[in-house]
Protein backbone atom coordinates (compact mmCIF):
# COMPACT_ATOMS: atom_id res chain seq x y z
CA MET A 1 10.82 15.28 -19.71
CA LYS A 2 10.12 18.89 -19.88
CA CYS A 3 7.79 20.45 -17.05
CA LYS A 4 6.00 24.00 -18.21
CA LEU A 5 7.07 27.43 -17.15
CA VAL A 6 3.96 29.78 -17.49
CA ASN A 7 2.97 33.09 -15.99
CA GLY A 8 0.08 33.69 -14.01
CA THR A 9 -1.68 36.54 -13.03
CA LYS A 10 -5.08 37.02 -11.32
CA GLU A 11 -7.15 37.90 -14.30
CA ASN A 12 -6.01 34.62 -15.91
CA LEU A 13 -5.94 32.59 -12.83
CA LYS A 14 -9.08 30.27 -13.77
CA ALA A 15 -8.10 29.97 -17.69
CA THR A 16 -4.63 28.98 -16.40
CA VAL A 17 -5.77 26.13 -14.26
CA GLU A 18 -8.03 24.62 -16.89
CA LYS A 19 -5.37 24.75 -19.20
CA LEU A 20 -3.27 22.62 -17.02
CA GLY A 21 -5.70 19.85 -17.32
CA ILE A 22 -5.57 18.91 -13.55
CA ARG A 23 -9.07 18.71 -13.55
CA GLY A 24 -11.39 15.96 -15.56
CA LYS A 25 -8.68 13.96 -16.75
CA MET A 26 -10.66 11.43 -18.38
CA ASP A 27 -14.28 10.13 -19.83
CA LEU A 28 -15.65 8.08 -17.16
CA LYS A 29 -18.53 6.47 -19.20
CA PRO A 30 -17.51 3.45 -20.25
CA VAL A 31 -15.60 3.17 -16.89
CA ILE A 32 -18.90 3.29 -15.28
CA ASP A 33 -20.61 0.76 -17.76
CA THR A 34 -17.69 -1.52 -17.27
CA VAL A 35 -17.77 -1.21 -13.29
CA GLN A 36 -21.46 -1.78 -13.09
CA GLN A 37 -21.39 -4.73 -14.92
CA VAL A 38 -19.15 -6.07 -12.42
CA ILE A 39 -20.91 -4.80 -9.44
CA ASP A 40 -24.06 -6.46 -10.52
CA ASN A 41 -22.34 -9.81 -11.40
CA ILE A 42 -21.31 -9.71 -8.08
CA ARG A 43 -24.34 -9.04 -6.44
CA GLU A 44 -25.80 -11.89 -8.47
CA ASN A 45 -23.21 -14.50 -8.53
CA GLY A 46 -21.07 -13.79 -5.24
CA ASP A 47 -18.06 -15.79 -4.92
CA LYS A 48 -18.08 -17.64 -8.33
CA ALA A 49 -18.06 -14.09 -9.98
CA LEU A 50 -15.37 -12.65 -7.82
CA LEU A 51 -13.40 -15.97 -8.73
CA GLY A 52 -13.97 -15.22 -12.10
CA TYR A 53 -12.64 -11.69 -12.03
CA THR A 54 -9.71 -12.60 -9.84
CA GLU A 55 -8.53 -15.14 -12.61
CA LYS A 56 -9.44 -12.81 -15.53
CA PHE A 57 -7.75 -9.49 -14.02
CA ASP A 58 -5.11 -10.93 -11.69
CA GLY A 59 -4.16 -14.01 -13.39
CA VAL A 60 -4.90 -16.34 -10.33
CA LYS A 61 -6.94 -19.07 -10.19
CA MET A 62 -8.52 -19.93 -6.71
CA GLU A 63 -11.05 -21.58 -4.67
CA ALA A 64 -13.33 -19.87 -2.55
CA SER A 65 -11.71 -21.07 0.73
CA GLN A 66 -8.48 -19.37 -0.56
CA ILE A 67 -10.01 -15.89 -0.55
CA ARG A 68 -9.42 -15.12 2.90
CA VAL A 69 -5.95 -15.04 4.19
CA THR A 70 -5.20 -17.70 6.93
CA ASP A 71 -3.45 -16.65 10.23
CA GLU A 72 -0.49 -18.96 9.04
CA GLU A 73 0.05 -16.86 6.13
CA ILE A 74 0.27 -13.86 8.11
CA ALA A 75 2.50 -15.32 10.84
CA ALA A 76 5.02 -16.56 8.04
CA ALA A 77 4.63 -12.65 6.08
CA LYS A 78 5.83 -11.16 9.46
CA ALA A 79 8.54 -13.32 10.30
CA SER A 80 10.22 -12.84 6.42
CA ILE A 81 10.19 -9.09 7.09
CA ASP A 82 13.35 -7.35 7.56
CA PRO A 83 13.51 -6.53 11.38
CA GLU A 84 14.65 -3.18 10.62
CA LEU A 85 11.72 -2.57 8.18
CA MET A 86 9.28 -3.97 10.91
CA GLY A 87 10.77 -1.41 13.35
CA VAL A 88 10.24 1.29 10.81
CA MET A 89 6.64 0.47 10.41
CA GLU A 90 5.73 -0.13 13.93
CA ARG A 91 7.09 3.17 14.92
CA ALA A 92 5.51 4.84 12.08
CA ALA A 93 1.94 3.07 13.22
CA ALA A 94 2.80 4.51 16.98
CA ASN A 95 2.92 8.07 15.51
CA ILE A 96 -0.49 7.51 13.38
CA ARG A 97 -2.17 5.78 16.31
CA ALA A 98 -1.25 8.63 18.67
CA PHE A 99 -2.39 11.28 16.20
CA HIS A 100 -5.72 9.52 15.71
CA GLU A 101 -6.29 9.17 19.10
CA LYS A 102 -6.60 13.04 19.69
CA GLN A 103 -9.58 12.75 17.06
CA LYS A 104 -11.60 10.34 19.18
CA GLU A 105 -15.22 11.78 19.82
CA GLU A 106 -17.57 11.28 23.01
CA GLY A 107 -21.14 12.34 22.80
CA PHE A 108 -23.00 14.83 25.14
CA MET A 109 -26.28 15.27 26.95
CA THR A 110 -27.36 18.51 27.78
CA ASP A 111 -30.60 20.03 30.06
CA VAL A 112 -33.19 21.74 28.30
CA TYR A 113 -36.44 22.79 29.92
CA SER A 114 -37.53 21.05 33.25
CA GLY A 115 -35.75 17.53 33.63
CA ALA A 116 -36.05 17.21 29.47
CA GLN A 117 -32.22 16.37 28.17
CA VAL A 118 -31.36 16.35 24.39
CA GLY A 119 -27.69 15.12 23.17
CA VAL A 120 -26.05 12.82 20.79
CA ARG A 121 -24.55 9.14 21.20
CA VAL A 122 -21.23 8.44 19.40
CA ARG A 123 -20.98 4.61 18.19
CA PRO A 124 -18.12 3.22 16.24
CA ILE A 125 -19.37 1.38 12.84
CA SER A 126 -19.69 -2.42 13.02
CA ILE A 127 -17.44 -3.55 10.09
CA ALA A 128 -15.27 -1.39 7.95
CA GLY A 129 -13.83 -2.15 4.59
CA VAL A 130 -10.43 -1.09 3.83
CA TYR A 131 -9.00 -1.54 0.22
CA VAL A 132 -5.12 -0.94 -0.82
CA PRO A 133 -4.10 -1.75 -4.39
CA GLY A 134 -1.26 -3.96 -5.21
CA GLY A 135 0.64 -3.10 -8.45
CA THR A 136 4.30 -2.95 -9.01
CA ALA A 137 5.05 -0.74 -5.70
CA PRO A 138 2.96 -2.24 -2.43
CA LEU A 139 1.68 0.26 -0.24
CA PRO A 140 2.45 -0.57 3.42
CA SER A 141 2.14 3.05 4.66
CA THR A 142 -1.44 3.22 3.16
CA VAL A 143 -2.23 0.22 4.82
CA LEU A 144 -1.47 1.76 8.36
CA MET A 145 -2.89 4.93 7.47
CA ASP A 146 -6.49 3.37 6.54
CA VAL A 147 -6.67 0.61 8.91
CA ILE A 148 -5.63 2.42 12.05
CA PRO A 149 -8.02 5.41 12.15
CA ALA A 150 -10.79 2.34 12.28
CA SER A 151 -8.94 0.67 15.25
CA VAL A 152 -8.64 3.75 17.09
CA ALA A 153 -12.50 4.53 16.30
CA GLY A 154 -13.51 0.66 17.71
CA VAL A 155 -14.60 -0.60 14.73
CA GLY A 156 -15.15 -4.41 15.64
CA ARG A 157 -14.53 -5.88 12.28
CA ILE A 158 -11.83 -4.20 10.01
CA VAL A 159 -11.94 -6.24 6.49
CA PHE A 160 -8.84 -5.45 4.48
CA ALA A 161 -8.63 -6.32 0.76
CA THR A 162 -5.80 -6.11 -1.80
CA PRO A 163 -4.95 -8.14 -4.83
CA PRO A 164 -2.86 -11.20 -4.88
CA ARG A 165 0.24 -11.38 -6.60
CA LYS A 166 0.42 -13.77 -9.93
CA ASP A 167 1.52 -16.62 -7.29
CA GLY A 168 -1.72 -16.29 -5.40
CA THR A 169 0.31 -14.65 -2.46
CA ILE A 170 -0.02 -11.03 -0.92
CA ALA A 171 3.37 -9.10 -0.50
CA PRO A 172 4.55 -9.99 3.06
CA VAL A 173 5.07 -6.31 3.39
CA ILE A 174 1.11 -5.68 3.12
CA LEU A 175 0.34 -8.35 5.38
CA ALA A 176 2.48 -7.48 8.02
CA ALA A 177 1.37 -3.84 7.86
CA ALA A 178 -2.20 -4.95 7.92
CA SER A 179 -1.56 -7.03 11.13
CA ILE A 180 0.33 -4.37 13.01
CA ALA A 181 -2.37 -1.67 12.17
CA GLY A 182 -5.21 -3.99 13.45
CA ALA A 183 -6.68 -5.52 10.43
CA THR A 184 -9.37 -8.33 11.59
CA GLU A 185 -9.71 -10.15 8.42
CA ILE A 186 -7.63 -10.04 5.25
CA TYR A 187 -9.26 -11.21 1.71
CA LYS A 188 -7.26 -11.56 -1.76
CA MET A 189 -9.43 -9.41 -3.96
CA GLY A 190 -8.93 -6.54 -5.99
CA GLY A 191 -10.41 -3.95 -8.37
CA SER A 192 -13.86 -3.01 -8.59
CA GLN A 193 -14.70 -6.53 -7.91
CA ALA A 194 -13.47 -6.17 -4.37
CA ILE A 195 -15.51 -2.82 -3.79
CA ALA A 196 -18.55 -4.92 -4.90
CA ALA A 197 -17.78 -7.70 -2.73
CA MET A 198 -17.49 -5.69 0.39
CA ALA A 199 -20.66 -3.39 -0.49
CA TYR A 200 -23.09 -6.58 -1.00
CA GLY A 201 -21.03 -9.55 0.37
CA THR A 202 -20.43 -12.77 -0.74
CA GLU A 203 -20.65 -16.24 0.82
CA THR A 204 -17.19 -15.83 1.70
CA VAL A 205 -16.68 -11.98 2.10
CA PRO A 206 -18.68 -10.20 4.92
CA ARG A 207 -20.96 -6.83 3.80
CA VAL A 208 -19.19 -3.79 5.21
CA ASP A 209 -20.77 -0.51 6.35
CA LYS A 210 -18.07 1.71 4.84
CA ILE A 211 -15.16 1.47 2.25
CA CYS A 212 -12.16 3.53 2.11
CA GLY A 213 -8.70 3.28 0.48
CA PRO A 214 -7.20 4.34 -2.91
CA GLY A 215 -7.09 2.70 -6.20
CA ASN A 216 -7.27 3.20 -9.86
CA ILE A 217 -10.12 4.47 -11.97
CA TYR A 218 -12.21 1.57 -11.79
CA VAL A 219 -11.97 1.30 -8.18
CA ASN A 220 -12.82 4.71 -7.38
CA THR A 221 -15.88 4.40 -10.03
CA ALA A 222 -16.84 1.13 -8.25
CA LYS A 223 -16.99 3.24 -4.82
CA ARG A 224 -19.22 5.96 -6.33
CA LEU A 225 -21.15 3.58 -7.79
CA VAL A 226 -21.64 1.49 -4.40
CA TYR A 227 -21.79 4.87 -2.19
CA GLY A 228 -25.40 4.69 -0.37
CA GLN A 229 -25.37 0.93 -0.26
CA VAL A 230 -22.42 1.86 2.16
CA ASP A 231 -20.25 4.90 2.93
CA ILE A 232 -17.08 5.81 1.51
CA ASP A 233 -14.21 7.84 2.37
CA MET A 234 -13.99 10.33 -0.55
CA PHE A 235 -14.15 10.48 -4.09
CA ALA A 236 -10.36 10.56 -5.04
CA GLY A 237 -8.23 10.99 -8.12
CA PRO A 238 -4.50 11.17 -9.06
CA SER A 239 -2.04 12.41 -6.49
CA GLU A 240 -1.13 16.26 -6.47
CA ILE A 241 1.18 18.67 -5.06
CA LEU A 242 1.38 22.13 -5.05
CA ILE A 243 4.23 24.23 -3.52
CA ILE A 244 4.13 27.85 -2.99
CA ALA A 245 7.67 29.21 -2.88
CA ASP A 246 9.45 32.54 -2.61
CA LYS A 247 12.96 33.42 -3.04
CA THR A 248 13.89 32.07 0.17
CA ALA A 249 13.26 28.75 -0.90
CA ASN A 250 15.71 26.05 -1.82
CA PRO A 251 15.06 25.39 -5.53
CA GLU A 252 16.79 21.76 -5.12
CA PHE A 253 14.11 20.70 -2.22
CA VAL A 254 11.37 22.10 -4.37
CA ALA A 255 12.68 20.06 -7.52
CA ALA A 256 12.71 16.89 -5.00
CA ASP A 257 9.41 17.46 -3.80
CA MET A 258 7.69 17.79 -7.06
CA LEU A 259 9.12 14.65 -8.50
CA SER A 260 8.00 12.78 -5.23
CA GLN A 261 4.57 13.08 -6.54
CA ALA A 262 5.09 13.04 -10.14
CA GLU A 263 6.39 9.61 -9.86
CA HIS A 264 2.86 8.32 -8.37
CA ASP A 265 1.13 7.95 -11.65
CA LYS A 266 1.23 9.55 -15.32
CA MET A 267 -1.65 11.84 -14.40
CA ALA A 268 -0.38 13.15 -11.10
CA SER A 269 0.40 16.77 -11.13
CA ALA A 270 3.17 18.69 -9.39
CA ILE A 271 2.65 22.58 -9.60
CA VAL A 272 5.12 25.36 -7.91
CA LEU A 273 4.00 28.55 -7.56
CA THR A 274 6.26 31.64 -6.89
CA ASP A 275 6.96 35.18 -7.42
CA SER A 276 10.60 34.91 -8.09
CA GLN A 277 11.65 34.43 -12.05
CA GLU A 278 15.11 33.38 -10.66
CA LEU A 279 13.65 30.43 -8.51
CA ALA A 280 11.44 29.41 -11.25
CA GLU A 281 14.29 28.70 -13.61
CA LYS A 282 16.18 27.10 -10.96
CA VAL A 283 13.69 24.70 -10.03
CA LEU A 284 13.24 23.90 -13.55
CA GLU A 285 16.62 23.06 -14.20
CA ALA A 286 16.38 20.95 -11.14
CA VAL A 287 13.63 19.14 -12.37
CA ASP A 288 15.07 18.19 -15.63
CA ARG A 289 18.31 17.13 -14.20
CA ARG A 290 16.86 14.97 -11.29
CA SER A 291 14.02 13.30 -13.28
CA GLU A 292 16.98 11.94 -15.81
CA LEU A 293 18.18 10.13 -12.79
CA ALA A 294 14.92 8.91 -11.48
CA GLU A 295 14.00 5.16 -11.72
CA ARG A 296 10.12 5.61 -12.50
CA LYS A 297 10.88 7.58 -16.14
CA ASP A 298 7.67 6.34 -17.52
CA GLN A 299 5.42 7.74 -15.10
CA LEU A 300 7.60 11.02 -14.74
CA SER A 301 7.71 12.08 -18.17
CA LYS A 302 3.96 11.87 -18.75
CA SER A 303 3.34 13.73 -15.65
CA LEU A 304 5.90 16.22 -16.13
CA GLU A 305 4.92 16.84 -19.82
CA ASP A 306 0.91 16.80 -19.22
CA TYR A 307 0.25 17.95 -15.75
CA CYS A 308 3.05 19.67 -14.22
CA ALA A 309 4.05 23.53 -14.16
CA ILE A 310 6.15 26.08 -12.86
CA ILE A 311 3.80 29.08 -12.27
CA VAL A 312 5.40 32.74 -11.95
CA CYS A 313 2.95 34.83 -10.54
CA ASP A 314 2.89 38.81 -10.08
CA SER A 315 2.67 38.30 -6.59
CA LEU A 316 2.26 35.72 -3.54
CA ASP A 317 -1.35 36.97 -3.01
CA THR A 318 -1.95 35.57 -6.26
CA ALA A 319 -0.39 32.40 -5.74
CA VAL A 320 -2.63 32.23 -2.75
CA GLY A 321 -5.52 32.77 -5.39
CA PHE A 322 -4.20 29.83 -7.50
CA SER A 323 -3.89 27.37 -4.35
CA GLU A 324 -7.34 28.55 -3.49
CA GLU A 325 -8.69 27.73 -6.85
CA ILE A 326 -6.81 24.41 -7.02
CA ALA A 327 -7.59 23.09 -3.53
CA PRO A 328 -4.65 20.66 -3.94
CA GLU A 329 -4.31 17.23 -2.17
CA HIS A 330 -0.75 18.35 -0.71
CA LEU A 331 0.32 21.89 -0.18
CA GLU A 332 3.96 22.81 0.87
CA ILE A 333 4.61 26.41 1.83
CA CYS A 334 8.17 27.25 1.46
CA VAL A 335 8.13 30.99 2.15
CA GLU A 336 10.12 33.13 4.64
CA ASP A 337 7.38 32.98 7.44
CA PRO A 338 5.55 29.63 6.46
CA GLU A 339 3.48 29.71 9.74
CA GLU A 340 1.91 33.22 9.13
CA PHE A 341 1.67 32.71 5.49
CA SER A 342 -0.36 29.34 5.98
CA LYS A 343 -3.36 31.55 8.05
CA LYS A 344 -4.52 32.76 4.25
CA ILE A 345 -5.11 29.20 3.12
CA ASN A 346 -8.39 27.50 3.37
CA ASN A 347 -8.48 24.82 0.85
CA CYS A 348 -6.01 21.91 0.72
CA GLY A 349 -6.01 18.26 2.13
CA ALA A 350 -2.43 18.54 4.19
CA MET A 351 -0.14 21.43 4.64
CA PHE A 352 3.35 21.23 4.82
CA LEU A 353 5.04 24.33 6.51
CA GLY A 354 8.79 25.41 5.55
CA ASN A 355 11.82 23.85 3.64
CA PHE A 356 12.26 21.06 6.20
CA THR A 357 8.54 19.51 6.12
CA PRO A 358 9.08 17.61 2.91
CA GLU A 359 5.49 15.91 1.82
CA PRO A 360 6.99 12.44 2.11
CA LEU A 361 6.95 13.12 5.72
CA GLY A 362 3.35 13.04 5.73
CA ASP A 363 3.19 10.04 3.51
CA TYR A 364 4.94 7.95 5.69
CA PHE A 365 5.72 8.82 9.28
CA ALA A 366 4.66 12.16 10.96
CA GLY A 367 0.95 11.18 12.04
CA PRO A 368 -1.60 12.99 9.89
CA ASN A 369 -3.36 10.66 7.46
CA HIS A 370 -2.20 10.51 4.01
CA THR A 371 -5.52 9.52 2.42
CA LEU A 372 -6.50 12.95 1.19
CA PRO A 373 -9.14 14.63 -0.72
CA THR A 374 -7.89 15.36 -4.70
CA SER A 375 -9.43 17.13 -7.47
CA GLY A 376 -10.11 19.86 -5.58
CA THR A 377 -12.40 18.45 -3.46
CA ALA A 378 -10.47 19.86 -0.72
CA ARG A 379 -13.09 22.25 -0.80
CA PHE A 380 -15.39 20.26 1.03
CA PHE A 381 -13.47 16.92 1.78
CA SER A 382 -11.39 16.55 5.08
CA PRO A 383 -8.59 13.78 5.02
CA LEU A 384 -9.38 10.56 6.36
CA ASN A 385 -9.92 10.49 10.01
CA THR A 386 -11.26 9.11 13.28
CA GLY A 387 -14.48 10.49 12.96
CA ASP A 388 -15.04 8.50 9.43
CA PHE A 389 -15.38 5.73 11.42
CA TYR A 390 -18.31 6.91 14.04
CA LYS A 391 -21.77 7.10 13.58
CA LYS A 392 -23.62 9.56 15.87
CA MET A 393 -27.46 8.99 17.34
CA SER A 394 -29.64 11.88 18.54
CA VAL A 395 -30.97 11.27 21.95
CA ILE A 396 -34.02 13.21 23.10
CA ASN A 397 -35.57 12.73 26.70
CA TYR A 398 -38.71 14.61 28.15
CA ASN A 399 -40.75 14.01 30.95
CA ARG A 400 -44.29 15.11 31.44
CA GLU A 401 -43.31 18.21 32.88
CA SER A 402 -40.86 19.48 30.29
CA LEU A 403 -43.35 17.98 27.52
CA GLU A 404 -46.18 20.00 29.13
CA GLN A 405 -44.36 23.38 28.71
CA VAL A 406 -43.69 23.09 24.93
CA TYR A 407 -46.31 20.58 23.70
CA LYS A 408 -48.62 23.63 22.47
CA ASP A 409 -45.73 24.83 20.35
CA VAL A 410 -45.17 21.78 18.81
CA ALA A 411 -48.74 20.97 17.84
CA ALA A 412 -49.45 24.35 16.59
CA PHE A 413 -46.11 23.92 14.13
CA ALA A 414 -47.45 20.65 13.03
CA ASP A 415 -50.58 22.24 12.30
CA SER A 416 -49.31 25.00 10.14
CA GLU A 417 -47.70 21.97 8.33
CA GLY A 418 -50.99 20.54 8.03
CA LEU A 419 -49.83 17.17 9.68
CA THR A 420 -52.67 17.01 11.89
CA CYS A 421 -51.78 13.64 13.42
CA HIS A 422 -48.46 15.02 14.57
CA ALA A 423 -50.28 17.44 16.30
CA ALA A 424 -52.51 15.02 17.69
CA ALA A 425 -49.73 12.83 19.05
CA VAL A 426 -48.50 15.41 21.46
CA ARG A 427 -51.83 16.87 22.50
CA ALA A 428 -53.03 13.33 23.47
CA ARG A 429 -50.49 13.25 26.28
CA PHE A 430 -52.74 16.14 27.89
CA GLU A 431 -56.17 15.49 27.13
């Protein structure tokens, strides 16, 4: 399981990034065709199509009455969870909730002219959909991260979806996390069919206003295809970590943090940028040694071979240039003065400062959201946040006196665009 050690300069910055292959990892055309068929089938056939895909892809045969999880199932799941783990999830949820409470927004009204006001009213969306994948490793942390911001924003209905296990149940830890976080209803459905069901509704599943949450290439493609019918959080790809480290960094910490992301997925990427050849070699040795002891060797071996690298830069300024070009999901800054150094960074999903702020702290417990932009989209996307579950309405309130001061300007502007009825609409008040 070999990670690459390469040299990086300002001149070969873009070429090196492209050579690493961390962008455009898959031809989406066949995936798009497949997912579009699923969406069309769900739109036309509702529950029947949803149940068919659940049997086909998840190996579970259900009736329509079994799609929605019952209160009894939730209660049984919570009762089966180790009390210590419940306590951990509740403490993590408290941190996440407290952080997202700080992001709550209020509207405003401001006076203009004589008695006129303009402003914004902020309202939560009515119904949000949250998707969390199933698979071999349940992700209760993601349940908390994606449901709590919607709850804090005041969303009235939070529809939670996750694939059933082979026995037709959902992992108890997932149900417990959804309950702690504030999901109002839970559905046993996965894949692109779950996204389509939430986007268009079925006889059992309500149509939502926004869908958020991670998933595989089919889930993320479905989110892209239903965008416009509903809002979505972001276009997500495989997980990424980038670590900028100088000679003061601990190579064992750096190696451990690289592997923490590489174990996510065979297409996950973990990159170190350093100006120290000595550190680079020590990190490389530690990665090789630690990866041999890891449990998820299949994921690690492909990730390390294809999408991971330790890049020795000619300076830390060059490292910043690489980081800004990559715009990573997670950025760790392990240098002598990480807080001062962080002022140079504009593009990343989440920033972790210093040797004792490992990325998993953000994944599970610190409070900021771990649903983050990937694949370079941190240049223009932000982490999932409370504001994602608001909509904003402009408010304009003029009286006769305030309109009289400006109506000639409005009419003149309308006339200049050839929209004479617009002009007439304001002049009519004073004729």
